[in-house]
Amino acid sequence: MAHHKSAKKRIRQNEKRRLRNQASRSKINTLSKKVLKAENKDEAAELLKGAVSFIDKTVSKGMLPRNTAARKKSKLTRYVNSLES
């Protein structure tokens, strides 16, 4: 157990950040699944817009590596483009 005041604070901060990061990763997975389950191209395109926006926000906050985000966005975009309208 931490004995210094600063170490105790660091433990609290790390826990808050861990939960926030976990929630963001979970939301990215949920949004991705919604896009991949969409059968209509218009609906999928609308969901894609929201998913890409959220992925970009997590990258700007440093929660997700830039290349990982690019890979996820590319995968979703390829799927939406493959759908028939």
C-alpha atoms as a PDB file:
ATOM      1  CA  MET A   1       0.000   0.000   0.000  1.00  0.00           C
ATOM      2  CA  ALA A   2       1.166   3.496  -0.784  1.00  0.00           C
ATOM      3  CA  HIS A   3       2.460   5.581   2.074  1.00  0.00           C
ATOM      4  CA  HIS A   4       3.052   8.949   0.401  1.00  0.00           C
ATOM      5  CA  LYS A   5       0.245  11.378  -0.190  1.00  0.00           C
ATOM      6  CA  SER A   6       1.233  11.751  -3.843  1.00  0.00           C
ATOM      7  CA  ALA A   7       1.284   7.981  -4.338  1.00  0.00           C
ATOM      8  CA  LYS A   8      -2.228   7.674  -2.939  1.00  0.00           C
ATOM      9  CA  LYS A   9      -3.411  10.402  -5.272  1.00  0.00           C
ATOM     10  CA  ARG A  10      -1.748   8.655  -8.211  1.00  0.00           C
ATOM     11  CA  ILE A  11      -3.627   5.448  -7.351  1.00  0.00           C
ATOM     12  CA  ARG A  12      -6.934   7.335  -7.367  1.00  0.00           C
ATOM     13  CA  GLN A  13      -6.123   9.007 -10.685  1.00  0.00           C
ATOM     14  CA  ASN A  14      -5.087   5.739 -12.314  1.00  0.00           C
ATOM     15  CA  GLU A  15      -8.325   4.060 -11.278  1.00  0.00           C
ATOM     16  CA  LYS A  16     -10.433   6.912 -12.685  1.00  0.00           C
ATOM     17  CA  ARG A  17      -8.506   6.822 -15.954  1.00  0.00           C
ATOM     18  CA  ARG A  18      -8.713   3.036 -16.186  1.00  0.00           C
ATOM     19  CA  LEU A  19     -12.497   3.126 -15.871  1.00  0.00           C
ATOM     20  CA  ARG A  20     -12.797   5.982 -18.367  1.00  0.00           C
ATOM     21  CA  ASN A  21     -10.585   4.191 -20.895  1.00  0.00           C
ATOM     22  CA  GLN A  22     -12.484   0.950 -20.390  1.00  0.00           C
ATOM     23  CA  ALA A  23     -15.800   2.708 -21.041  1.00  0.00           C
ATOM     24  CA  SER A  24     -14.439   4.306 -24.214  1.00  0.00           C
ATOM     25  CA  ARG A  25     -13.112   1.012 -25.561  1.00  0.00           C
ATOM     26  CA  SER A  26     -16.434  -0.635 -24.805  1.00  0.00           C
ATOM     27  CA  LYS A  27     -18.342   2.131 -26.582  1.00  0.00           C
ATOM     28  CA  ILE A  28     -16.111   1.815 -29.653  1.00  0.00           C
ATOM     29  CA  ASN A  29     -16.862  -1.925 -29.783  1.00  0.00           C
ATOM     30  CA  THR A  30     -20.593  -1.296 -29.391  1.00  0.00           C
ATOM     31  CA  LEU A  31     -20.667   1.336 -32.137  1.00  0.00           C
ATOM     32  CA  SER A  32     -18.655  -0.927 -34.440  1.00  0.00           C
ATOM     33  CA  LYS A  33     -21.044  -3.827 -33.900  1.00  0.00           C
ATOM     34  CA  LYS A  34     -24.018  -1.590 -34.695  1.00  0.00           C
ATOM     35  CA  VAL A  35     -22.406  -0.550 -37.992  1.00  0.00           C
ATOM     36  CA  LEU A  36     -21.586  -4.159 -38.902  1.00  0.00           C
ATOM     37  CA  LYS A  37     -25.129  -5.345 -38.106  1.00  0.00           C
ATOM     38  CA  ALA A  38     -26.737  -2.679 -40.282  1.00  0.00           C
ATOM     39  CA  GLU A  39     -28.156  -4.179 -43.461  1.00  0.00           C
ATOM     40  CA  ASN A  40     -29.249  -0.958 -45.111  1.00  0.00           C
ATOM     41  CA  LYS A  41     -26.451   1.147 -46.623  1.00  0.00           C
ATOM     42  CA  ASP A  42     -28.041   4.467 -45.594  1.00  0.00           C
ATOM     43  CA  GLU A  43     -28.477   3.322 -42.012  1.00  0.00           C
ATOM     44  CA  ALA A  44     -24.926   1.932 -41.914  1.00  0.00           C
ATOM     45  CA  ALA A  45     -23.503   5.181 -43.315  1.00  0.00           C
ATOM     46  CA  GLU A  46     -25.273   7.173 -40.592  1.00  0.00           C
ATOM     47  CA  LEU A  47     -23.967   4.856 -37.864  1.00  0.00           C
ATOM     48  CA  LEU A  48     -20.491   4.970 -39.413  1.00  0.00           C
ATOM     49  CA  LYS A  49     -20.419   8.741 -39.090  1.00  0.00           C
ATOM     50  CA  GLY A  50     -21.057   8.520 -35.344  1.00  0.00           C
ATOM     51  CA  ALA A  51     -18.544   5.701 -34.864  1.00  0.00           C
ATOM     52  CA  VAL A  52     -15.765   7.494 -36.747  1.00  0.00           C
ATOM     53  CA  SER A  53     -16.436  10.673 -34.806  1.00  0.00           C
ATOM     54  CA  PHE A  54     -16.162   8.861 -31.462  1.00  0.00           C
ATOM     55  CA  ILE A  55     -13.012   6.997 -32.538  1.00  0.00           C
ATOM     56  CA  ASP A  56     -11.396  10.317 -33.507  1.00  0.00           C
ATOM     57  CA  LYS A  57     -12.312  11.802 -30.125  1.00  0.00           C
ATOM     58  CA  THR A  58     -10.662   8.929 -28.272  1.00  0.00           C
ATOM     59  CA  VAL A  59      -7.499   9.375 -30.352  1.00  0.00           C
ATOM     60  CA  SER A  60      -7.375  13.104 -29.602  1.00  0.00           C
ATOM     61  CA  LYS A  61      -7.646  12.319 -25.882  1.00  0.00           C
ATOM     62  CA  GLY A  62      -4.838   9.774 -26.123  1.00  0.00           C
ATOM     63  CA  MET A  63      -6.956   6.748 -25.205  1.00  0.00           C
ATOM     64  CA  LEU A  64      -6.378   4.939 -28.490  1.00  0.00           C
ATOM     65  CA  PRO A  65      -3.294   4.778 -30.738  1.00  0.00           C
ATOM     66  CA  ARG A  66      -3.636   6.622 -34.043  1.00  0.00           C
ATOM     67  CA  ASN A  67      -2.926   3.577 -36.220  1.00  0.00           C
ATOM     68  CA  THR A  68      -5.388   1.406 -34.311  1.00  0.00           C
ATOM     69  CA  ALA A  69      -8.085   4.003 -34.876  1.00  0.00           C
ATOM     70  CA  ALA A  70      -7.232   4.213 -38.580  1.00  0.00           C
ATOM     71  CA  ARG A  71      -7.487   0.428 -38.877  1.00  0.00           C
ATOM     72  CA  LYS A  72     -10.880   0.348 -37.160  1.00  0.00           C
ATOM     73  CA  LYS A  73     -12.241   3.198 -39.280  1.00  0.00           C
ATOM     74  CA  SER A  74     -10.944   1.559 -42.452  1.00  0.00           C
ATOM     75  CA  LYS A  75     -12.585  -1.761 -41.620  1.00  0.00           C
ATOM     76  CA  LEU A  76     -15.943  -0.116 -40.954  1.00  0.00           C
ATOM     77  CA  THR A  77     -15.746   2.052 -44.068  1.00  0.00           C
ATOM     78  CA  ARG A  78     -14.902  -0.963 -46.258  1.00  0.00           C
ATOM     79  CA  TYR A  79     -17.948  -2.775 -44.888  1.00  0.00           C
ATOM     80  CA  VAL A  80     -20.299   0.148 -45.497  1.00  0.00           C
ATOM     81  CA  ASN A  81     -18.958   0.597 -49.036  1.00  0.00           C
ATOM     82  CA  SER A  82     -19.512  -3.100 -49.759  1.00  0.00           C
ATOM     83  CA  LEU A  83     -23.214  -2.884 -48.922  1.00  0.00           C
ATOM     84  CA  GLU A  84     -25.702  -2.583 -51.737  1.00  0.00           C
ATOM     85  CA  SER A  85     -27.938   0.457 -51.590  1.00  0.00           C
END
